[in-house]
Protein backbone atom coordinates (compact mmCIF):
# COMPACT_ATOMS: atom_id res chain seq x y z
CA MET A 1 -45.50 59.62 -3.71
CA ASP A 2 -47.88 62.49 -4.37
CA THR A 3 -51.27 61.20 -5.49
CA GLN A 4 -52.47 64.67 -6.53
CA ASN A 5 -51.17 63.96 -10.03
CA TYR A 6 -53.62 61.07 -10.29
CA PHE A 7 -56.55 63.27 -9.29
CA ASP A 8 -55.39 65.89 -11.81
CA ARG A 9 -55.22 63.26 -14.55
CA ILE A 10 -58.78 62.10 -13.82
CA ALA A 11 -59.98 65.72 -13.88
CA LEU A 12 -58.31 66.21 -17.26
CA LEU A 13 -59.88 63.05 -18.70
CA ARG A 14 -63.30 64.28 -17.59
CA CYS A 15 -62.92 67.00 -20.27
CA TYR A 16 -62.46 64.49 -23.11
CA LYS A 17 -65.34 64.92 -25.55
CA GLU A 18 -66.71 62.52 -28.14
CA ASN A 19 -64.17 61.51 -30.80
CA TRP A 20 -61.26 62.68 -28.58
CA GLY A 21 -58.77 60.49 -30.44
CA SER A 22 -60.30 60.90 -33.93
CA TYR A 23 -61.47 57.27 -34.06
CA GLY A 24 -65.07 57.69 -32.90
CA GLU A 25 -64.42 57.26 -29.17
CA LYS A 26 -67.21 58.09 -26.75
CA ALA A 27 -66.88 61.10 -24.46
CA VAL A 28 -65.44 60.18 -21.06
CA ASN A 29 -68.39 59.76 -18.73
CA PRO A 30 -68.30 61.96 -15.60
CA GLU A 31 -69.66 59.08 -13.49
CA SER A 32 -66.75 56.90 -14.58
CA CYS A 33 -64.37 59.71 -13.57
CA GLU A 34 -66.01 59.97 -10.17
CA LYS A 35 -65.71 56.21 -9.61
CA ALA A 36 -62.02 56.29 -10.60
CA ARG A 37 -61.44 59.26 -8.29
CA GLU A 38 -63.15 57.41 -5.43
CA PHE A 39 -60.92 54.40 -6.06
CA VAL A 40 -57.71 56.48 -5.96
CA LEU A 41 -58.91 58.27 -2.83
CA GLN A 42 -59.70 55.04 -0.95
CA PHE A 43 -56.67 53.18 -2.35
CA GLU A 44 -54.35 56.12 -1.54
CA PRO A 45 -52.79 54.66 1.65
CA ILE A 46 -51.76 51.54 -0.28
CA ILE A 47 -50.49 53.62 -3.22
CA ILE A 48 -48.30 55.63 -0.86
CA GLU A 49 -47.15 52.73 1.33
CA ARG A 50 -46.20 50.49 -1.60
CA LYS A 51 -45.05 53.34 -3.87
CA LEU A 52 -47.35 52.17 -6.64
CA LYS A 53 -47.35 53.93 -9.98
CA LEU A 54 -50.78 54.11 -11.59
CA PHE A 55 -51.45 54.47 -15.30
CA ILE A 56 -54.80 56.21 -15.74
CA TYR A 57 -56.33 56.32 -19.21
CA PRO A 58 -59.58 56.79 -21.13
CA THR A 59 -61.17 53.91 -23.02
CA ALA A 60 -62.90 54.13 -26.39
CA GLY A 61 -66.15 53.23 -24.62
CA GLY A 62 -66.02 56.35 -22.44
CA TYR A 63 -64.73 54.68 -19.27
CA ILE A 64 -61.66 55.31 -17.16
CA GLY A 65 -59.12 52.52 -16.79
CA ILE A 66 -56.37 52.27 -14.17
CA GLU A 67 -53.42 49.88 -14.37
CA TRP A 68 -50.68 49.11 -11.85
CA ALA A 69 -48.31 46.34 -10.77
CA MET A 70 -48.33 44.96 -7.24
CA ALA A 71 -46.96 41.82 -5.59
CA GLY A 72 -45.67 40.37 -8.84
CA SER A 73 -48.96 40.74 -10.73
CA ASP A 74 -50.32 43.25 -13.20
CA TYR A 75 -53.72 44.72 -12.40
CA ALA A 76 -56.20 46.65 -14.50
CA ALA A 77 -59.46 48.09 -13.18
CA LEU A 78 -62.22 49.53 -15.34
CA PHE A 79 -64.70 52.00 -13.94
CA PRO A 80 -67.85 51.84 -16.06
CA ALA A 81 -70.60 54.41 -15.75
CA LEU A 82 -74.34 54.18 -15.30
CA GLY A 83 -74.37 51.81 -12.34
CA ALA A 84 -72.40 49.02 -13.99
CA ASP A 85 -70.11 47.06 -11.72
CA TYR A 86 -66.35 47.47 -11.52
CA GLU A 87 -64.13 45.09 -13.43
CA LEU A 88 -60.73 43.94 -12.18
CA TYR A 89 -58.29 42.02 -14.35
CA ILE A 90 -55.26 40.30 -12.85
CA ASP A 91 -52.48 39.38 -15.27
CA GLU A 92 -55.09 39.69 -18.06
CA ASP A 93 -56.54 36.30 -17.11
CA ILE A 94 -58.78 36.67 -14.09
CA GLU A 95 -61.80 38.91 -14.35
CA LEU A 96 -63.60 39.86 -11.15
CA HIS A 97 -66.66 42.06 -10.70
CA PHE A 98 -67.47 44.28 -7.72
CA ASP A 99 -70.41 46.50 -6.83
CA THR A 100 -68.46 49.05 -4.79
CA VAL A 101 -64.97 50.48 -4.51
CA PRO A 102 -64.54 49.18 -0.91
CA GLU A 103 -65.26 45.63 -2.14
CA LEU A 104 -62.64 46.07 -4.86
CA ILE A 105 -60.03 47.39 -2.42
CA GLU A 106 -60.80 44.60 0.05
CA GLN A 107 -59.95 42.09 -2.67
CA LEU A 108 -56.61 43.83 -3.24
CA THR A 109 -55.49 43.93 0.39
């Protein structure tokens, strides 16, 4: 599994300007992109080992979201900007908050 595609996707999303989908969406925040990139970089060994497929997307609020399935559960992580904490949703029910990417990854392993 080549994770370069994920880094390329994040770089592309960084270029999304305000109203990118014609519905008044906020521009994708560069800080959110950097947090998502840091997550993929630190999570890379697990992505490769478990052959995970990530879905990386912009949100209307200007954040980056990443979704994947692992160990029978669906995960979604949001990477807000401006110092906000990270949000992790498991099977759409459990919402966890983390201050750093390493804390988030520790929860996943």
